[in-house]
Protein backbone atom coordinates (compact mmCIF):
# COMPACT_ATOMS: atom_id res chain seq x y z
CA MET A 1 82.73 -168.20 -11.92
CA THR A 2 82.51 -171.35 -9.82
CA VAL A 3 85.33 -171.78 -7.31
CA VAL A 4 86.50 -175.04 -5.76
CA ILE A 5 89.25 -175.69 -3.22
CA VAL A 6 90.97 -179.06 -3.62
CA THR A 7 93.32 -180.17 -0.85
CA GLY A 8 96.01 -182.74 -1.50
CA ALA A 9 96.02 -181.47 -5.09
CA SER A 10 99.68 -182.18 -5.81
CA SER A 11 99.16 -185.86 -6.69
CA GLY A 12 96.78 -188.80 -6.94
CA ILE A 13 93.08 -188.28 -6.40
CA GLY A 14 93.45 -184.57 -5.66
CA ARG A 15 95.42 -183.84 -8.80
CA THR A 16 93.05 -185.82 -11.00
CA THR A 17 90.00 -184.19 -9.42
CA ALA A 18 91.42 -180.71 -9.91
CA LEU A 19 92.12 -181.44 -13.58
CA ARG A 20 88.62 -182.82 -14.05
CA LEU A 21 86.87 -179.85 -12.48
CA ALA A 22 89.11 -177.30 -14.22
CA GLY A 23 88.25 -178.99 -17.49
CA ARG A 24 84.58 -178.39 -16.72
CA GLY A 25 85.21 -174.66 -16.31
CA TRP A 26 85.63 -174.49 -12.53
CA THR A 27 88.18 -172.11 -11.04
CA THR A 28 90.43 -174.39 -8.99
CA VAL A 29 92.33 -173.43 -5.86
CA LEU A 30 95.12 -175.96 -5.47
CA ALA A 31 96.28 -176.71 -1.94
CA ALA A 32 99.06 -179.04 -0.74
CA ARG A 33 102.52 -178.78 0.81
CA ARG A 34 104.48 -179.37 -2.41
CA ALA A 35 104.46 -175.99 -4.12
CA ALA A 36 106.46 -177.08 -7.17
CA GLU A 37 103.97 -179.83 -7.99
CA LEU A 38 101.08 -177.41 -7.55
CA GLU A 39 102.67 -174.89 -9.90
CA ALA A 40 103.18 -177.60 -12.51
CA LEU A 41 99.52 -178.62 -12.21
CA ALA A 42 98.36 -175.01 -12.41
CA GLY A 43 100.45 -174.59 -15.56
CA GLU A 44 98.80 -177.64 -17.08
CA ILE A 45 95.34 -176.30 -16.25
CA ARG A 46 96.10 -172.85 -17.65
CA ALA A 47 97.60 -174.30 -20.82
CA ALA A 48 94.29 -176.08 -21.39
CA GLY A 49 92.39 -172.80 -20.98
CA GLY A 50 91.39 -173.22 -17.33
CA THR A 51 91.90 -171.04 -14.27
CA ALA A 52 93.94 -172.18 -11.28
CA HIS A 53 95.37 -170.57 -8.17
CA VAL A 54 98.17 -172.10 -6.12
CA VAL A 55 97.95 -171.81 -2.34
CA PRO A 56 100.65 -173.95 -0.68
CA THR A 57 99.12 -175.30 2.52
CA ASP A 58 100.03 -177.72 5.27
CA VAL A 59 96.61 -178.92 6.41
CA ALA A 60 98.17 -180.35 9.58
CA ASP A 61 98.89 -176.77 10.69
CA PRO A 62 95.92 -175.58 12.78
CA ALA A 63 96.19 -172.14 11.16
CA GLY A 64 96.31 -173.58 7.64
CA ALA A 65 92.57 -173.99 7.13
CA GLY A 66 91.65 -170.40 7.88
CA ALA A 67 94.56 -169.11 5.83
CA LEU A 68 93.58 -171.24 2.82
CA VAL A 69 89.94 -170.18 2.86
CA GLY A 70 90.85 -166.56 3.51
CA ARG A 71 93.30 -166.54 0.62
CA THR A 72 90.70 -168.13 -1.66
CA VAL A 73 88.12 -165.47 -0.83
CA LYS A 74 90.72 -162.75 -1.40
CA LEU A 75 91.63 -164.20 -4.80
CA THR A 76 88.17 -165.07 -6.09
CA GLY A 77 85.57 -163.47 -3.82
CA ARG A 78 83.81 -166.75 -3.05
CA VAL A 79 84.04 -170.48 -2.33
CA ASP A 80 81.49 -172.68 -4.07
CA ALA A 81 82.96 -176.03 -3.17
CA LEU A 82 85.52 -177.66 -0.89
CA VAL A 83 87.02 -181.07 -1.63
CA ASN A 84 88.67 -182.38 1.53
CA ASN A 85 91.01 -184.85 -0.12
CA ALA A 86 94.37 -184.52 1.66
CA GLY A 87 95.15 -187.69 3.58
CA VAL A 88 97.89 -189.95 4.90
CA GLY A 89 98.06 -193.66 5.59
CA GLY A 90 99.98 -195.54 8.25
CA ASP A 91 100.65 -198.70 10.19
CA ALA A 92 97.49 -200.79 10.69
CA SER A 93 98.62 -201.88 14.16
CA VAL A 94 97.64 -200.29 17.48
CA LEU A 95 101.37 -200.50 18.23
CA ALA A 96 102.10 -197.64 15.82
CA ASP A 97 104.04 -194.90 17.55
CA ASP A 98 102.34 -191.77 18.85
CA ALA A 99 103.86 -189.40 16.30
CA ALA A 100 102.46 -191.44 13.39
CA VAL A 101 99.02 -191.66 15.00
CA ARG A 102 98.96 -187.90 15.64
CA THR A 103 99.83 -187.16 12.01
CA ILE A 104 97.04 -189.42 10.75
CA ILE A 105 94.45 -187.83 13.01
CA GLU A 106 95.65 -184.28 12.26
CA VAL A 107 95.56 -184.69 8.47
CA ASN A 108 92.66 -187.11 7.98
CA LEU A 109 90.22 -185.84 10.60
CA LEU A 110 91.15 -182.53 12.25
CA ALA A 111 92.10 -180.82 8.98
CA PRO A 112 88.71 -181.52 7.31
CA ILE A 113 86.93 -180.32 10.46
CA ARG A 114 88.95 -177.10 10.51
CA LEU A 115 88.41 -176.52 6.79
CA MET A 116 84.67 -177.04 7.11
CA ARG A 117 84.62 -174.67 10.09
CA ALA A 118 86.42 -172.07 7.97
CA VAL A 119 84.36 -172.46 4.82
CA VAL A 120 80.83 -172.86 6.16
CA PRO A 121 80.41 -169.16 7.14
CA VAL A 122 81.47 -168.16 3.62
CA MET A 123 79.00 -170.56 2.04
CA ARG A 124 76.23 -169.49 4.43
CA GLY A 125 76.81 -165.91 3.35
CA GLN A 126 76.48 -166.96 -0.29
CA GLY A 127 73.42 -169.11 0.43
CA SER A 128 74.95 -172.08 -1.34
CA GLY A 129 77.94 -174.39 -1.51
CA ALA A 130 79.10 -177.98 -1.55
CA ILE A 131 81.49 -179.90 0.68
CA VAL A 132 82.94 -183.25 -0.36
CA ASN A 133 84.92 -185.30 2.14
CA ILE A 134 87.10 -188.10 0.81
CA GLY A 135 86.78 -190.96 3.27
CA SER A 136 87.61 -194.61 2.75
CA VAL A 137 86.09 -198.07 2.82
CA ALA A 138 88.42 -198.43 5.84
CA GLY A 139 86.07 -195.95 7.51
CA GLU A 140 83.34 -198.59 7.28
CA ILE A 141 85.41 -201.70 8.05
CA GLY A 142 87.90 -201.40 10.89
CA ILE A 143 91.08 -202.92 9.50
CA GLY A 144 93.49 -200.00 9.32
CA GLY A 145 94.41 -199.01 12.87
CA ALA A 146 94.52 -195.25 13.39
CA TYR A 147 93.81 -194.76 9.67
CA SER A 148 90.46 -196.53 10.07
CA ALA A 149 89.79 -194.54 13.22
CA SER A 150 90.36 -191.27 11.36
CA LYS A 151 88.07 -192.30 8.51
CA PHE A 152 85.37 -193.59 10.88
CA GLY A 153 85.57 -190.17 12.52
CA LEU A 154 85.36 -188.40 9.17
CA ARG A 155 82.22 -190.39 8.36
CA GLY A 156 80.72 -189.31 11.68
CA ILE A 157 81.48 -185.62 11.25
CA ASN A 158 80.27 -185.75 7.63
CA ASP A 159 76.87 -187.08 8.77
CA SER A 160 76.71 -184.53 11.58
CA VAL A 161 77.58 -181.55 9.39
CA ARG A 162 75.19 -182.68 6.66
CA ARG A 163 72.35 -182.72 9.16
CA GLU A 164 73.45 -179.45 10.74
CA LEU A 165 73.42 -177.66 7.38
CA ALA A 166 70.19 -179.17 6.04
CA GLY A 167 68.10 -176.45 4.43
CA THR A 168 70.96 -173.95 4.11
CA GLY A 169 71.74 -174.68 0.46
CA ILE A 170 75.06 -176.32 1.40
CA GLY A 171 75.42 -179.94 0.32
CA VAL A 172 77.70 -182.30 2.25
CA SER A 173 78.80 -185.59 0.69
CA LEU A 174 81.16 -188.42 1.56
CA ILE A 175 83.13 -190.36 -1.07
CA GLU A 176 84.54 -193.65 0.21
CA PRO A 177 87.11 -195.17 -2.15
CA GLY A 178 88.45 -198.67 -1.81
CA PHE A 179 91.94 -199.44 -3.09
CA ILE A 180 92.77 -196.88 -5.80
CA ALA A 181 96.01 -196.58 -7.79
CA THR A 182 97.87 -193.74 -6.03
CA GLU A 183 101.24 -193.18 -4.40
CA LEU A 184 99.89 -194.83 -1.24
CA THR A 185 99.09 -198.07 -3.10
CA ALA A 186 102.11 -198.26 -5.41
CA HIS A 187 102.85 -201.76 -4.08
CA ARG A 188 99.52 -203.05 -5.48
CA SER A 189 98.67 -203.78 -9.10
CA GLY A 190 95.46 -203.94 -11.11
CA LEU A 191 93.73 -201.13 -9.23
CA PRO A 192 91.35 -198.60 -10.79
CA GLY A 193 92.80 -195.15 -11.32
CA PRO A 194 91.90 -191.97 -9.42
CA GLU A 195 89.62 -190.97 -12.28
CA ILE A 196 86.87 -193.11 -10.71
CA VAL A 197 86.98 -190.93 -7.60
CA ALA A 198 87.17 -187.68 -9.58
CA ASP A 199 84.05 -188.76 -11.45
CA ALA A 200 82.24 -189.40 -8.16
CA VAL A 201 83.32 -185.98 -6.83
CA GLU A 202 82.01 -184.26 -9.93
CA ARG A 203 78.67 -186.05 -9.61
CA VAL A 204 78.10 -185.15 -5.96
CA LEU A 205 79.09 -181.53 -6.57
CA LYS A 206 76.24 -181.37 -9.04
CA ARG A 207 73.87 -183.44 -6.91
CA PRO A 208 74.94 -183.96 -3.26
CA ARG A 209 74.58 -187.46 -1.85
CA ARG A 210 75.09 -188.81 1.64
CA ARG A 211 77.67 -191.40 0.63
CA VAL A 212 79.20 -192.84 -2.53
CA VAL A 213 81.41 -195.96 -2.41
CA VAL A 214 83.83 -196.47 -5.31
CA PRO A 215 84.35 -198.88 -6.92
CA GLY A 216 80.83 -200.13 -6.31
CA LYS A 217 82.01 -203.67 -5.56
CA TYR A 218 83.05 -202.54 -2.08
CA ARG A 219 79.43 -201.91 -1.11
CA ALA A 220 78.93 -205.67 -0.78
CA ALA A 221 81.96 -205.97 1.50
CA ILE A 222 80.60 -203.17 3.73
CA LEU A 223 77.16 -204.77 3.92
CA LEU A 224 78.68 -208.17 4.71
CA SER A 225 80.94 -206.76 7.41
CA ASN A 226 78.03 -204.94 9.04
CA ALA A 227 75.67 -207.90 8.87
CA LEU A 228 78.20 -210.65 9.68
CA PRO A 229 81.13 -209.00 11.46
CA PHE A 230 82.54 -212.32 12.63
CA ILE A 231 83.50 -213.09 9.02
CA THR A 232 85.64 -209.95 8.84
CA ASP A 233 87.08 -210.89 12.24
CA ARG A 234 88.19 -214.25 10.91
CA VAL A 235 89.56 -212.92 7.62
CA TYR A 236 91.69 -210.22 9.23
CA ALA A 237 92.46 -211.88 12.55
CA GLY A 238 96.04 -211.14 13.56
CA ARG A 239 97.14 -209.68 10.21
CA ALA A 240 98.17 -206.25 11.47
CA ALA A 241 99.98 -207.67 14.51
CA LYS A 242 101.92 -210.15 12.38
CA LYS A 243 102.88 -207.49 9.86
CA HIS A 244 103.99 -205.14 12.62
CA ALA A 245 106.05 -207.89 14.23
CA ASN A 246 107.75 -208.70 10.92
CA THR A 247 108.52 -205.04 10.32
CA ALA A 248 109.94 -204.66 13.81
CA ASP A 249 112.22 -207.66 13.24
């Protein structure tokens, strides 16, 4: 039995990833706030012959990480993989209110840190495991306000934890999607579906990698922004402030 925890499993990338891994024979532990959606997903997985456990979790709750990992161990006896997928977006302006900024940081950065802190001792005891953090291209190119800050931070902690756990048998990988068709991007059209991210997650669970950017076309944008940051400055100059001003009006 191979056990994986997927946070944010009630929709989008998390839901698709859970379905993909369950279809490969993994026992999935489904975590999110929306219990009804998790139960529906678990029913779908079981109907297809898979195994799923529902553990409703608010990852913004400081106690949620330990409770989720503890419940998983009680149910299955082990944790082979953790997919830190739960995330929220927000206003790209520095003028976003404090409550919104706190939520972004709690869910996108502090929750993955707490979950890794909870799961690493279990994986160390097993002598193996895999952690996958779902970042964002916005964690490479600063254009998303507090959202970018949270994903930059996630990239930093991912690198740090990967180096800390080198040689322990625990792989640590970062997946950085660009714009993907999910609830957060419903206003955009022509985007690739979450399957592209689920595929990347499956690949790094089998063979951990430092970073995977999907779709691959965003790698060029990251390289360009790093090499010639003034171009990104010009392209995005004033956009967030103007949008915030229009919203405020």
